[in-house]
Amino acid sequence: MINPVASILEIPPENIFANQLLFGSSGEFLGFDANEPTSRSGGKATAVMQIRKVHGYKRLVMIGDGATDLEARKPGGADLFICYAGIQLREAVASKSDWLVFNFKDLINTLE
């Protein structure tokens, strides 16, 4: 889901930071890789601040669906937060987002 949007924005795959999803042998969702800093509370905000500092980005956008994603909107973090509600709408997150989308196709079409 992330790569098509990143491609349109000309973001190389090595510049994408996201939770690594874990799946079982029959395709069932098992959870997140707990070794990824972005899987913990505060981890996404820290990652965004580090990315901004290392690369000197003037503008940074975060796309997410949960409260830990929204944490990346802290001062010094993401300039814009896009709430993805295609799986589950979390009102508390959506109400604090800059943009609410229900599918990536709408996001891609808007960006093109």
PDB file of N, CA and C in Angstrom:
ATOM      1  N   MET A   1       0.818  -1.196   0.000  1.00  0.00           N
ATOM      2  CA  MET A   1       0.000   0.000   0.000  1.00  0.00           C
ATOM      3  C   MET A   1       0.859   1.256   0.000  1.00  0.00           C
ATOM      4  N   ILE A   2       1.995   1.214   0.630  1.00  0.00           N
ATOM      5  CA  ILE A   2       2.829   2.405   0.759  1.00  0.00           C
ATOM      6  C   ILE A   2       3.584   2.700  -0.532  1.00  0.00           C
ATOM      7  N   ASN A   3       4.125   1.681  -1.152  1.00  0.00           N
ATOM      8  CA  ASN A   3       4.995   1.886  -2.312  1.00  0.00           C
ATOM      9  C   ASN A   3       4.351   2.616  -3.488  1.00  0.00           C
ATOM     10  N   PRO A   4       3.087   2.359  -3.861  1.00  0.00           N
ATOM     11  CA  PRO A   4       2.505   3.113  -4.980  1.00  0.00           C
ATOM     12  C   PRO A   4       2.430   4.622  -4.722  1.00  0.00           C
ATOM     13  N   VAL A   5       2.061   5.006  -3.507  1.00  0.00           N
ATOM     14  CA  VAL A   5       1.995   6.432  -3.168  1.00  0.00           C
ATOM     15  C   VAL A   5       3.399   7.025  -3.164  1.00  0.00           C
ATOM     16  N   ALA A   6       4.340   6.311  -2.576  1.00  0.00           N
ATOM     17  CA  ALA A   6       5.721   6.788  -2.530  1.00  0.00           C
ATOM     18  C   ALA A   6       6.285   6.966  -3.935  1.00  0.00           C
ATOM     19  N   SER A   7       5.949   6.062  -4.827  1.00  0.00           N
ATOM     20  CA  SER A   7       6.426   6.145  -6.208  1.00  0.00           C
ATOM     21  C   SER A   7       5.934   7.422  -6.886  1.00  0.00           C
ATOM     22  N   ILE A   8       4.665   7.756  -6.709  1.00  0.00           N
ATOM     23  CA  ILE A   8       4.104   8.979  -7.291  1.00  0.00           C
ATOM     24  C   ILE A   8       4.797  10.214  -6.727  1.00  0.00           C
ATOM     25  N   LEU A   9       5.128  10.154  -5.450  1.00  0.00           N
ATOM     26  CA  LEU A   9       5.801  11.274  -4.800  1.00  0.00           C
ATOM     27  C   LEU A   9       7.312  11.255  -5.029  1.00  0.00           C
ATOM     28  N   GLU A  10       7.768  10.259  -5.810  1.00  0.00           N
ATOM     29  CA  GLU A  10       9.190  10.079  -6.114  1.00  0.00           C
ATOM     30  C   GLU A  10      10.030   9.877  -4.859  1.00  0.00           C
ATOM     31  N   ILE A  11       9.478   9.107  -3.929  1.00  0.00           N
ATOM     32  CA  ILE A  11      10.186   8.755  -2.702  1.00  0.00           C
ATOM     33  C   ILE A  11      10.798   7.374  -2.908  1.00  0.00           C
ATOM     34  N   PRO A  12      12.118   7.260  -2.845  1.00  0.00           N
ATOM     35  CA  PRO A  12      12.733   5.953  -3.036  1.00  0.00           C
ATOM     36  C   PRO A  12      12.412   5.012  -1.870  1.00  0.00           C
ATOM     37  N   PRO A  13      12.332   3.716  -2.150  1.00  0.00           N
ATOM     38  CA  PRO A  13      11.978   2.742  -1.104  1.00  0.00           C
ATOM     39  C   PRO A  13      12.861   2.825   0.139  1.00  0.00           C
ATOM     40  N   GLU A  14      14.137   3.162  -0.028  1.00  0.00           N
ATOM     41  CA  GLU A  14      15.026   3.237   1.141  1.00  0.00           C
ATOM     42  C   GLU A  14      14.689   4.410   2.056  1.00  0.00           C
ATOM     43  N   ASN A  15      13.839   5.317   1.596  1.00  0.00           N
ATOM     44  CA  ASN A  15      13.413   6.439   2.432  1.00  0.00           C
ATOM     45  C   ASN A  15      12.044   6.216   3.058  1.00  0.00           C
ATOM     46  N   ILE A  16      11.546   5.003   2.994  1.00  0.00           N
ATOM     47  CA  ILE A  16      10.257   4.665   3.604  1.00  0.00           C
ATOM     48  C   ILE A  16      10.516   3.966   4.932  1.00  0.00           C
ATOM     49  N   PHE A  17       9.909   4.478   5.978  1.00  0.00           N
ATOM     50  CA  PHE A  17      10.027   3.897   7.305  1.00  0.00           C
ATOM     51  C   PHE A  17       8.635   3.480   7.741  1.00  0.00           C
ATOM     52  N   ALA A  18       8.440   2.191   7.943  1.00  0.00           N
ATOM     53  CA  ALA A  18       7.109   1.680   8.277  1.00  0.00           C
ATOM     54  C   ALA A  18       7.250   0.422   9.123  1.00  0.00           C
ATOM     55  N   ASN A  19       6.192   0.093   9.843  1.00  0.00           N
ATOM     56  CA  ASN A  19       6.191  -1.153  10.600  1.00  0.00           C
ATOM     57  C   ASN A  19       6.318  -2.333   9.654  1.00  0.00           C
ATOM     58  N   GLN A  20       7.096  -3.300  10.063  1.00  0.00           N
ATOM     59  CA  GLN A  20       7.204  -4.546   9.312  1.00  0.00           C
ATOM     60  C   GLN A  20       6.093  -5.468   9.801  1.00  0.00           C
ATOM     61  N   LEU A  21       5.179  -5.804   8.913  1.00  0.00           N
ATOM     62  CA  LEU A  21       4.075  -6.692   9.277  1.00  0.00           C
ATOM     63  C   LEU A  21       4.544  -8.136   9.204  1.00  0.00           C
ATOM     64  N   LEU A  22       4.060  -8.944  10.140  1.00  0.00           N
ATOM     65  CA  LEU A  22       4.412 -10.360  10.173  1.00  0.00           C
ATOM     66  C   LEU A  22       3.187 -11.198   9.839  1.00  0.00           C
ATOM     67  N   PHE A  23       3.381 -12.176   8.957  1.00  0.00           N
ATOM     68  CA  PHE A  23       2.297 -13.061   8.532  1.00  0.00           C
ATOM     69  C   PHE A  23       2.722 -14.510   8.704  1.00  0.00           C
ATOM     70  N   GLY A  24       1.750 -15.361   9.013  1.00  0.00           N
ATOM     71  CA  GLY A  24       1.995 -16.789   9.153  1.00  0.00           C
ATOM     72  C   GLY A  24       2.094 -17.464   7.799  1.00  0.00           C
ATOM     73  N   SER A  25       2.377 -18.761   7.811  1.00  0.00           N
ATOM     74  CA  SER A  25       2.580 -19.516   6.571  1.00  0.00           C
ATOM     75  C   SER A  25       1.325 -19.584   5.706  1.00  0.00           C
ATOM     76  N   SER A  26       0.149 -19.435   6.322  1.00  0.00           N
ATOM     77  CA  SER A  26      -1.087 -19.452   5.529  1.00  0.00           C
ATOM     78  C   SER A  26      -1.619 -18.039   5.261  1.00  0.00           C
ATOM     79  N   GLY A  27      -0.779 -17.026   5.524  1.00  0.00           N
ATOM     80  CA  GLY A  27      -1.140 -15.656   5.206  1.00  0.00           C
ATOM     81  C   GLY A  27      -1.842 -14.882   6.304  1.00  0.00           C
ATOM     82  N   GLU A  28      -2.054 -15.495   7.465  1.00  0.00           N
ATOM     83  CA  GLU A  28      -2.740 -14.791   8.547  1.00  0.00           C
ATOM     84  C   GLU A  28      -1.810 -13.761   9.194  1.00  0.00           C
ATOM     85  N   PHE A  29      -2.394 -12.637   9.565  1.00  0.00           N
ATOM     86  CA  PHE A  29      -1.640 -11.549  10.199  1.00  0.00           C
ATOM     87  C   PHE A  29      -1.247 -11.969  11.610  1.00  0.00           C
ATOM     88  N   LEU A  30       0.040 -11.863  11.934  1.00  0.00           N
ATOM     89  CA  LEU A  30       0.540 -12.245  13.256  1.00  0.00           C
ATOM     90  C   LEU A  30       0.856 -11.049  14.145  1.00  0.00           C
ATOM     91  N   GLY A  31       1.121  -9.910  13.541  1.00  0.00           N
ATOM     92  CA  GLY A  31       1.461  -8.728  14.330  1.00  0.00           C
ATOM     93  C   GLY A  31       2.563  -7.932  13.663  1.00  0.00           C
ATOM     94  N   PHE A  32       3.283  -7.164  14.487  1.00  0.00           N
ATOM     95  CA  PHE A  32       4.365  -6.313  14.014  1.00  0.00           C
ATOM     96  C   PHE A  32       5.693  -6.828  14.536  1.00  0.00           C
ATOM     97  N   ASP A  33       6.751  -6.526  13.826  1.00  0.00           N
ATOM     98  CA  ASP A  33       8.095  -6.848  14.284  1.00  0.00           C
ATOM     99  C   ASP A  33       8.422  -5.909  15.440  1.00  0.00           C
ATOM    100  N   ALA A  34       8.511  -6.448  16.650  1.00  0.00           N
ATOM    101  CA  ALA A  34       8.748  -5.643  17.851  1.00  0.00           C
ATOM    102  C   ALA A  34      10.140  -5.019  17.863  1.00  0.00           C
ATOM    103  N   ASN A  35      11.029  -5.462  16.999  1.00  0.00           N
ATOM    104  CA  ASN A  35      12.370  -4.883  16.926  1.00  0.00           C
ATOM    105  C   ASN A  35      12.387  -3.549  16.188  1.00  0.00           C
ATOM    106  N   GLU A  36      11.321  -3.257  15.468  1.00  0.00           N
ATOM    107  CA  GLU A  36      11.227  -1.985  14.749  1.00  0.00           C
ATOM    108  C   GLU A  36      10.869  -0.875  15.740  1.00  0.00           C
ATOM    109  N   PRO A  37      11.662   0.200  15.797  1.00  0.00           N
ATOM    110  CA  PRO A  37      11.345   1.291  16.730  1.00  0.00           C
ATOM    111  C   PRO A  37       9.967   1.903  16.482  1.00  0.00           C
ATOM    112  N   THR A  38       9.507   1.854  15.233  1.00  0.00           N
ATOM    113  CA  THR A  38       8.211   2.442  14.904  1.00  0.00           C
ATOM    114  C   THR A  38       7.035   1.636  15.443  1.00  0.00           C
ATOM    115  N   SER A  39       7.292   0.458  15.989  1.00  0.00           N
ATOM    116  CA  SER A  39       6.198  -0.367  16.520  1.00  0.00           C
ATOM    117  C   SER A  39       5.843   0.002  17.957  1.00  0.00           C
ATOM    118  N   ARG A  40       6.619   0.906  18.565  1.00  0.00           N
ATOM    119  CA  ARG A  40       6.400   1.280  19.969  1.00  0.00           C
ATOM    120  C   ARG A  40       5.890   2.717  20.086  1.00  0.00           C
ATOM    121  N   SER A  41       5.194   2.987  21.184  1.00  0.00           N
ATOM    122  CA  SER A  41       4.717   4.339  21.447  1.00  0.00           C
ATOM    123  C   SER A  41       5.902   5.303  21.491  1.00  0.00           C
ATOM    124  N   GLY A  42       5.778   6.401  20.793  1.00  0.00           N
ATOM    125  CA  GLY A  42       6.844   7.399  20.732  1.00  0.00           C
ATOM    126  C   GLY A  42       7.881   7.122  19.660  1.00  0.00           C
ATOM    127  N   GLY A  43       7.911   5.902  19.153  1.00  0.00           N
ATOM    128  CA  GLY A  43       8.922   5.519  18.165  1.00  0.00           C
ATOM    129  C   GLY A  43       8.770   6.226  16.837  1.00  0.00           C
ATOM    130  N   LYS A  44       7.544   6.445  16.418  1.00  0.00           N
ATOM    131  CA  LYS A  44       7.321   7.096  15.124  1.00  0.00           C
ATOM    132  C   LYS A  44       7.688   8.574  15.186  1.00  0.00           C
ATOM    133  N   ALA A  45       7.360   9.215  16.293  1.00  0.00           N
ATOM    134  CA  ALA A  45       7.731  10.622  16.457  1.00  0.00           C
ATOM    135  C   ALA A  45       9.248  10.767  16.444  1.00  0.00           C
ATOM    136  N   THR A  46       9.935   9.877  17.135  1.00  0.00           N
ATOM    137  CA  THR A  46      11.395   9.903  17.167  1.00  0.00           C
ATOM    138  C   THR A  46      11.971   9.658  15.778  1.00  0.00           C
ATOM    139  N   ALA A  47      11.425   8.685  15.060  1.00  0.00           N
ATOM    140  CA  ALA A  47      11.903   8.377  13.707  1.00  0.00           C
ATOM    141  C   ALA A  47      11.730   9.576  12.779  1.00  0.00           C
ATOM    142  N   VAL A  48      10.583  10.225  12.845  1.00  0.00           N
ATOM    143  CA  VAL A  48      10.317  11.385  11.985  1.00  0.00           C
ATOM    144  C   VAL A  48      11.287  12.518  12.303  1.00  0.00           C
ATOM    145  N   MET A  49      11.534  12.770  13.578  1.00  0.00           N
ATOM    146  CA  MET A  49      12.463  13.833  13.959  1.00  0.00           C
ATOM    147  C   MET A  49      13.883  13.515  13.482  1.00  0.00           C
ATOM    148  N   GLN A  50      14.282  12.246  13.577  1.00  0.00           N
ATOM    149  CA  GLN A  50      15.612  11.844  13.106  1.00  0.00           C
ATOM    150  C   GLN A  50      15.722  11.981  11.590  1.00  0.00           C
ATOM    151  N   ILE A  51      14.697  11.568  10.880  1.00  0.00           N
ATOM    152  CA  ILE A  51      14.695  11.675   9.417  1.00  0.00           C
ATOM    153  C   ILE A  51      14.834  13.136   9.001  1.00  0.00           C
ATOM    154  N   ARG A  52      14.065  14.000   9.656  1.00  0.00           N
ATOM    155  CA  ARG A  52      14.118  15.434   9.343  1.00  0.00           C
ATOM    156  C   ARG A  52      15.525  15.987   9.602  1.00  0.00           C
ATOM    157  N   LYS A  53      16.109  15.598  10.719  1.00  0.00           N
ATOM    158  CA  LYS A  53      17.430  16.102  11.096  1.00  0.00           C
ATOM    159  C   LYS A  53      18.521  15.593  10.147  1.00  0.00           C
ATOM    160  N   VAL A  54      18.525  14.295   9.876  1.00  0.00           N
ATOM    161  CA  VAL A  54      19.561  13.692   9.037  1.00  0.00           C
ATOM    162  C   VAL A  54      19.506  14.208   7.604  1.00  0.00           C
ATOM    163  N   HIS A  55      18.304  14.323   7.063  1.00  0.00           N
ATOM    164  CA  HIS A  55      18.160  14.688   5.654  1.00  0.00           C
ATOM    165  C   HIS A  55      17.895  16.174   5.424  1.00  0.00           C
ATOM    166  N   GLY A  56      17.610  16.913   6.492  1.00  0.00           N
ATOM    167  CA  GLY A  56      17.354  18.340   6.356  1.00  0.00           C
ATOM    168  C   GLY A  56      16.091  18.675   5.585  1.00  0.00           C
ATOM    169  N   TYR A  57      15.108  17.775   5.643  1.00  0.00           N
ATOM    170  CA  TYR A  57      13.864  18.016   4.907  1.00  0.00           C
ATOM    171  C   TYR A  57      13.168  19.272   5.409  1.00  0.00           C
ATOM    172  N   LYS A  58      12.678  20.066   4.468  1.00  0.00           N
ATOM    173  CA  LYS A  58      11.924  21.266   4.825  1.00  0.00           C
ATOM    174  C   LYS A  58      10.458  20.942   5.073  1.00  0.00           C
ATOM    175  N   ARG A  59       9.970  19.881   4.446  1.00  0.00           N
ATOM    176  CA  ARG A  59       8.557  19.480   4.564  1.00  0.00           C
ATOM    177  C   ARG A  59       8.504  17.963   4.689  1.00  0.00           C
ATOM    178  N   LEU A  60       7.725  17.467   5.650  1.00  0.00           N
ATOM    179  CA  LEU A  60       7.636  16.036   5.887  1.00  0.00           C
ATOM    180  C   LEU A  60       6.186  15.655   6.163  1.00  0.00           C
ATOM    181  N   VAL A  61       5.711  14.600   5.503  1.00  0.00           N
ATOM    182  CA  VAL A  61       4.329  14.143   5.629  1.00  0.00           C
ATOM    183  C   VAL A  61       4.313  12.755   6.243  1.00  0.00           C
ATOM    184  N   MET A  62       3.388  12.536   7.170  1.00  0.00           N
ATOM    185  CA  MET A  62       3.204  11.232   7.810  1.00  0.00           C
ATOM    186  C   MET A  62       1.822  10.707   7.442  1.00  0.00           C
ATOM    187  N   ILE A  63       1.754   9.440   7.038  1.00  0.00           N
ATOM    188  CA  ILE A  63       0.480   8.774   6.769  1.00  0.00           C
ATOM    189  C   ILE A  63       0.334   7.659   7.781  1.00  0.00           C
ATOM    190  N   GLY A  64      -0.807   7.607   8.459  1.00  0.00           N
ATOM    191  CA  GLY A  64      -1.022   6.557   9.442  1.00  0.00           C
ATOM    192  C   GLY A  64      -2.477   6.436   9.828  1.00  0.00           C
ATOM    193  N   ASP A  65      -2.751   5.458  10.688  1.00  0.00           N
ATOM    194  CA  ASP A  65      -4.141   5.212  11.075  1.00  0.00           C
ATOM    195  C   ASP A  65      -4.372   5.177  12.577  1.00  0.00           C
ATOM    196  N   GLY A  66      -3.321   5.331  13.359  1.00  0.00           N
ATOM    197  CA  GLY A  66      -3.486   5.186  14.799  1.00  0.00           C
ATOM    198  C   GLY A  66      -2.849   6.301  15.605  1.00  0.00           C
ATOM    199  N   ALA A  67      -3.051   6.210  16.914  1.00  0.00           N
ATOM    200  CA  ALA A  67      -2.559   7.236  17.831  1.00  0.00           C
ATOM    201  C   ALA A  67      -1.039   7.349  17.810  1.00  0.00           C
ATOM    202  N   THR A  68      -0.330   6.221  17.682  1.00  0.00           N
ATOM    203  CA  THR A  68       1.133   6.310  17.646  1.00  0.00           C
ATOM    204  C   THR A  68       1.619   6.946  16.346  1.00  0.00           C
ATOM    205  N   ASP A  69       0.836   6.819  15.283  1.00  0.00           N
ATOM    206  CA  ASP A  69       1.172   7.506  14.029  1.00  0.00           C
ATOM    207  C   ASP A  69       0.995   9.014  14.206  1.00  0.00           C
ATOM    208  N   LEU A  70      -0.096   9.392  14.841  1.00  0.00           N
ATOM    209  CA  LEU A  70      -0.400  10.804  15.065  1.00  0.00           C
ATOM    210  C   LEU A  70       0.659  11.476  15.940  1.00  0.00           C
ATOM    211  N   GLU A  71       1.319  10.707  16.804  1.00  0.00           N
ATOM    212  CA  GLU A  71       2.384  11.260  17.648  1.00  0.00           C
ATOM    213  C   GLU A  71       3.489  11.906  16.812  1.00  0.00           C
ATOM    214  N   ALA A  72       3.644  11.459  15.581  1.00  0.00           N
ATOM    215  CA  ALA A  72       4.688  11.996  14.703  1.00  0.00           C
ATOM    216  C   ALA A  72       4.414  13.442  14.309  1.00  0.00           C
ATOM    217  N   ARG A  73       3.240  13.952  14.611  1.00  0.00           N
ATOM    218  CA  ARG A  73       2.846  15.334  14.284  1.00  0.00           C
ATOM    219  C   ARG A  73       3.356  16.331  15.324  1.00  0.00           C
ATOM    220  N   LYS A  74       4.082  15.848  16.328  1.00  0.00           N
ATOM    221  CA  LYS A  74       4.625  16.721  17.370  1.00  0.00           C
ATOM    222  C   LYS A  74       5.490  17.821  16.756  1.00  0.00           C
ATOM    223  N   PRO A  75       5.697  18.930  17.490  1.00  0.00           N
ATOM    224  CA  PRO A  75       6.612  19.968  17.005  1.00  0.00           C
ATOM    225  C   PRO A  75       7.983  19.358  16.696  1.00  0.00           C
ATOM    226  N   GLY A  76       8.531  19.718  15.546  1.00  0.00           N
ATOM    227  CA  GLY A  76       9.801  19.150  15.113  1.00  0.00           C
ATOM    228  C   GLY A  76       9.625  17.871  14.321  1.00  0.00           C
ATOM    229  N   GLY A  77       8.384  17.396  14.249  1.00  0.00           N
ATOM    230  CA  GLY A  77       8.083  16.158  13.526  1.00  0.00           C
ATOM    231  C   GLY A  77       7.452  16.452  12.181  1.00  0.00           C
ATOM    232  N   ALA A  78       6.405  15.710  11.862  1.00  0.00           N
ATOM    233  CA  ALA A  78       5.736  15.845  10.565  1.00  0.00           C
ATOM    234  C   ALA A  78       4.984  17.169  10.461  1.00  0.00           C
ATOM    235  N   ASP A  79       5.024  17.766   9.273  1.00  0.00           N
ATOM    236  CA  ASP A  79       4.293  19.006   9.018  1.00  0.00           C
ATOM    237  C   ASP A  79       2.830  18.739   8.706  1.00  0.00           C
ATOM    238  N   LEU A  80       2.568  17.559   8.168  1.00  0.00           N
ATOM    239  CA  LEU A  80       1.223  17.203   7.736  1.00  0.00           C
ATOM    240  C   LEU A  80       0.965  15.753   8.119  1.00  0.00           C
ATOM    241  N   PHE A  81      -0.225  15.494   8.654  1.00  0.00           N
ATOM    242  CA  PHE A  81      -0.594  14.120   9.000  1.00  0.00           C
ATOM    243  C   PHE A  81      -1.828  13.724   8.207  1.00  0.00           C
ATOM    244  N   ILE A  82      -1.688  12.648   7.425  1.00  0.00           N
ATOM    245  CA  ILE A  82      -2.802  12.101   6.657  1.00  0.00           C
ATOM    246  C   ILE A  82      -3.298  10.863   7.379  1.00  0.00           C
ATOM    247  N   CYS A  83      -4.558  10.891   7.784  1.00  0.00           N
ATOM    248  CA  CYS A  83      -5.165   9.745   8.461  1.00  0.00           C
ATOM    249  C   CYS A  83      -5.733   8.797   7.413  1.00  0.00           C
ATOM    250  N   TYR A  84      -5.239   7.560   7.419  1.00  0.00           N
ATOM    251  CA  TYR A  84      -5.756   6.532   6.523  1.00  0.00           C
ATOM    252  C   TYR A  84      -6.798   5.726   7.289  1.00  0.00           C
ATOM    253  N   ALA A  85      -8.048   5.796   6.836  1.00  0.00           N
ATOM    254  CA  ALA A  85      -9.151   5.121   7.525  1.00  0.00           C
ATOM    255  C   ALA A  85      -9.774   4.030   6.663  1.00  0.00           C
ATOM    256  N   GLY A  86      -8.978   3.443   5.787  1.00  0.00           N
ATOM    257  CA  GLY A  86      -9.487   2.415   4.887  1.00  0.00           C
ATOM    258  C   GLY A  86      -9.787   1.091   5.553  1.00  0.00           C
ATOM    259  N   ILE A  87      -9.173   0.821   6.671  1.00  0.00           N
ATOM    260  CA  ILE A  87      -9.422  -0.411   7.423  1.00  0.00           C
ATOM    261  C   ILE A  87     -10.338  -0.115   8.598  1.00  0.00           C
ATOM    262  N   GLN A  88      -9.971   0.906   9.360  1.00  0.00           N
ATOM    263  CA  GLN A  88     -10.766   1.283  10.523  1.00  0.00           C
ATOM    264  C   GLN A  88     -10.670   2.792  10.733  1.00  0.00           C
ATOM    265  N   LEU A  89     -11.810   3.433  10.897  1.00  0.00           N
ATOM    266  CA  LEU A  89     -11.845   4.862  11.191  1.00  0.00           C
ATOM    267  C   LEU A  89     -11.734   5.042  12.695  1.00  0.00           C
ATOM    268  N   ARG A  90     -10.693   5.712  13.107  1.00  0.00           N
ATOM    269  CA  ARG A  90     -10.506   6.050  14.522  1.00  0.00           C
ATOM    270  C   ARG A  90     -10.767   7.546  14.652  1.00  0.00           C
ATOM    271  N   GLU A  91     -11.938   7.878  15.179  1.00  0.00           N
ATOM    272  CA  GLU A  91     -12.382   9.279  15.242  1.00  0.00           C
ATOM    273  C   GLU A  91     -11.373  10.174  15.952  1.00  0.00           C
ATOM    274  N   ALA A  92     -10.775   9.678  17.034  1.00  0.00           N
ATOM    275  CA  ALA A  92      -9.822  10.493  17.792  1.00  0.00           C
ATOM    276  C   ALA A  92      -8.608  10.863  16.947  1.00  0.00           C
ATOM    277  N   VAL A  93      -8.210   9.983  16.056  1.00  0.00           N
ATOM    278  CA  VAL A  93      -7.075  10.251  15.170  1.00  0.00           C
ATOM    279  C   VAL A  93      -7.527  11.123  14.001  1.00  0.00           C
ATOM    280  N   ALA A  94      -8.643  10.758  13.386  1.00  0.00           N
ATOM    281  CA  ALA A  94      -9.158  11.500  12.229  1.00  0.00           C
ATOM    282  C   ALA A  94      -9.428  12.963  12.575  1.00  0.00           C
ATOM    283  N   SER A  95      -9.955  13.209  13.766  1.00  0.00           N
ATOM    284  CA  SER A  95     -10.309  14.580  14.148  1.00  0.00           C
ATOM    285  C   SER A  95      -9.086  15.479  14.307  1.00  0.00           C
ATOM    286  N   LYS A  96      -7.916  14.889  14.508  1.00  0.00           N
ATOM    287  CA  LYS A  96      -6.692  15.676  14.679  1.00  0.00           C
ATOM    288  C   LYS A  96      -5.804  15.649  13.436  1.00  0.00           C
ATOM    289  N   SER A  97      -6.275  14.985  12.391  1.00  0.00           N
ATOM    290  CA  SER A  97      -5.465  14.876  11.173  1.00  0.00           C
ATOM    291  C   SER A  97      -5.669  16.099  10.281  1.00  0.00           C
ATOM    292  N   ASP A  98      -4.756  16.269   9.344  1.00  0.00           N
ATOM    293  CA  ASP A  98      -4.862  17.351   8.366  1.00  0.00           C
ATOM    294  C   ASP A  98      -5.675  16.921   7.155  1.00  0.00           C
ATOM    295  N   TRP A  99      -5.704  15.608   6.918  1.00  0.00           N
ATOM    296  CA  TRP A  99      -6.372  15.076   5.741  1.00  0.00           C
ATOM    297  C   TRP A  99      -6.816  13.663   6.074  1.00  0.00           C
ATOM    298  N   LEU A 100      -8.036  13.328   5.709  1.00  0.00           N
ATOM    299  CA  LEU A 100      -8.593  11.999   5.964  1.00  0.00           C
ATOM    300  C   LEU A 100      -8.857  11.316   4.633  1.00  0.00           C
ATOM    301  N   VAL A 101      -8.304  10.110   4.450  1.00  0.00           N
ATOM    302  CA  VAL A 101      -8.551   9.337   3.233  1.00  0.00           C
ATOM    303  C   VAL A 101      -9.024   7.943   3.624  1.00  0.00           C
ATOM    304  N   PHE A 102      -9.886   7.385   2.782  1.00  0.00           N
ATOM    305  CA  PHE A 102     -10.414   6.046   3.036  1.00  0.00           C
ATOM    306  C   PHE A 102      -9.810   4.996   2.114  1.00  0.00           C
ATOM    307  N   ASN A 103      -9.127   5.439   1.066  1.00  0.00           N
ATOM    308  CA  ASN A 103      -8.399   4.490   0.223  1.00  0.00           C
ATOM    309  C   ASN A 103      -7.246   5.219  -0.455  1.00  0.00           C
ATOM    310  N   PHE A 104      -6.226   4.452  -0.756  1.00  0.00           N
ATOM    311  CA  PHE A 104      -5.033   5.050  -1.341  1.00  0.00           C
ATOM    312  C   PHE A 104      -5.255   5.501  -2.774  1.00  0.00           C
ATOM    313  N   LYS A 105      -6.223   4.926  -3.452  1.00  0.00           N
ATOM    314  CA  LYS A 105      -6.509   5.351  -4.827  1.00  0.00           C
ATOM    315  C   LYS A 105      -6.939   6.819  -4.846  1.00  0.00           C
ATOM    316  N   ASP A 106      -7.792   7.219  -3.895  1.00  0.00           N
ATOM    317  CA  ASP A 106      -8.196   8.627  -3.815  1.00  0.00           C
ATOM    318  C   ASP A 106      -6.995   9.523  -3.535  1.00  0.00           C
ATOM    319  N   LEU A 107      -6.127   9.081  -2.659  1.00  0.00           N
ATOM    320  CA  LEU A 107      -4.928   9.851  -2.338  1.00  0.00           C
ATOM    321  C   LEU A 107      -4.044   9.986  -3.577  1.00  0.00           C
ATOM    322  N   ILE A 108      -3.812   8.884  -4.265  1.00  0.00           N
ATOM    323  CA  ILE A 108      -2.989   8.898  -5.474  1.00  0.00           C
ATOM    324  C   ILE A 108      -3.603   9.803  -6.536  1.00  0.00           C
ATOM    325  N   ASN A 109      -4.903   9.680  -6.775  1.00  0.00           N
ATOM    326  CA  ASN A 109      -5.569  10.505  -7.790  1.00  0.00           C
ATOM    327  C   ASN A 109      -5.483  11.988  -7.458  1.00  0.00           C
ATOM    328  N   THR A 110      -5.598  12.330  -6.200  1.00  0.00           N
ATOM    329  CA  THR A 110      -5.503  13.725  -5.783  1.00  0.00           C
ATOM    330  C   THR A 110      -4.091  14.260  -5.998  1.00  0.00           C
ATOM    331  N   LEU A 111      -3.093  13.436  -5.732  1.00  0.00           N
ATOM    332  CA  LEU A 111      -1.706  13.870  -5.870  1.00  0.00           C
ATOM    333  C   LEU A 111      -1.268  13.989  -7.321  1.00  0.00           C
ATOM    334  N   GLU A 112      -1.901  13.216  -8.204  1.00  0.00           N
ATOM    335  CA  GLU A 112      -1.533  13.278  -9.623  1.00  0.00           C
ATOM    336  C   GLU A 112      -2.098  14.537 -10.194  1.00  0.00           C
TER     337      GLU A 112
END
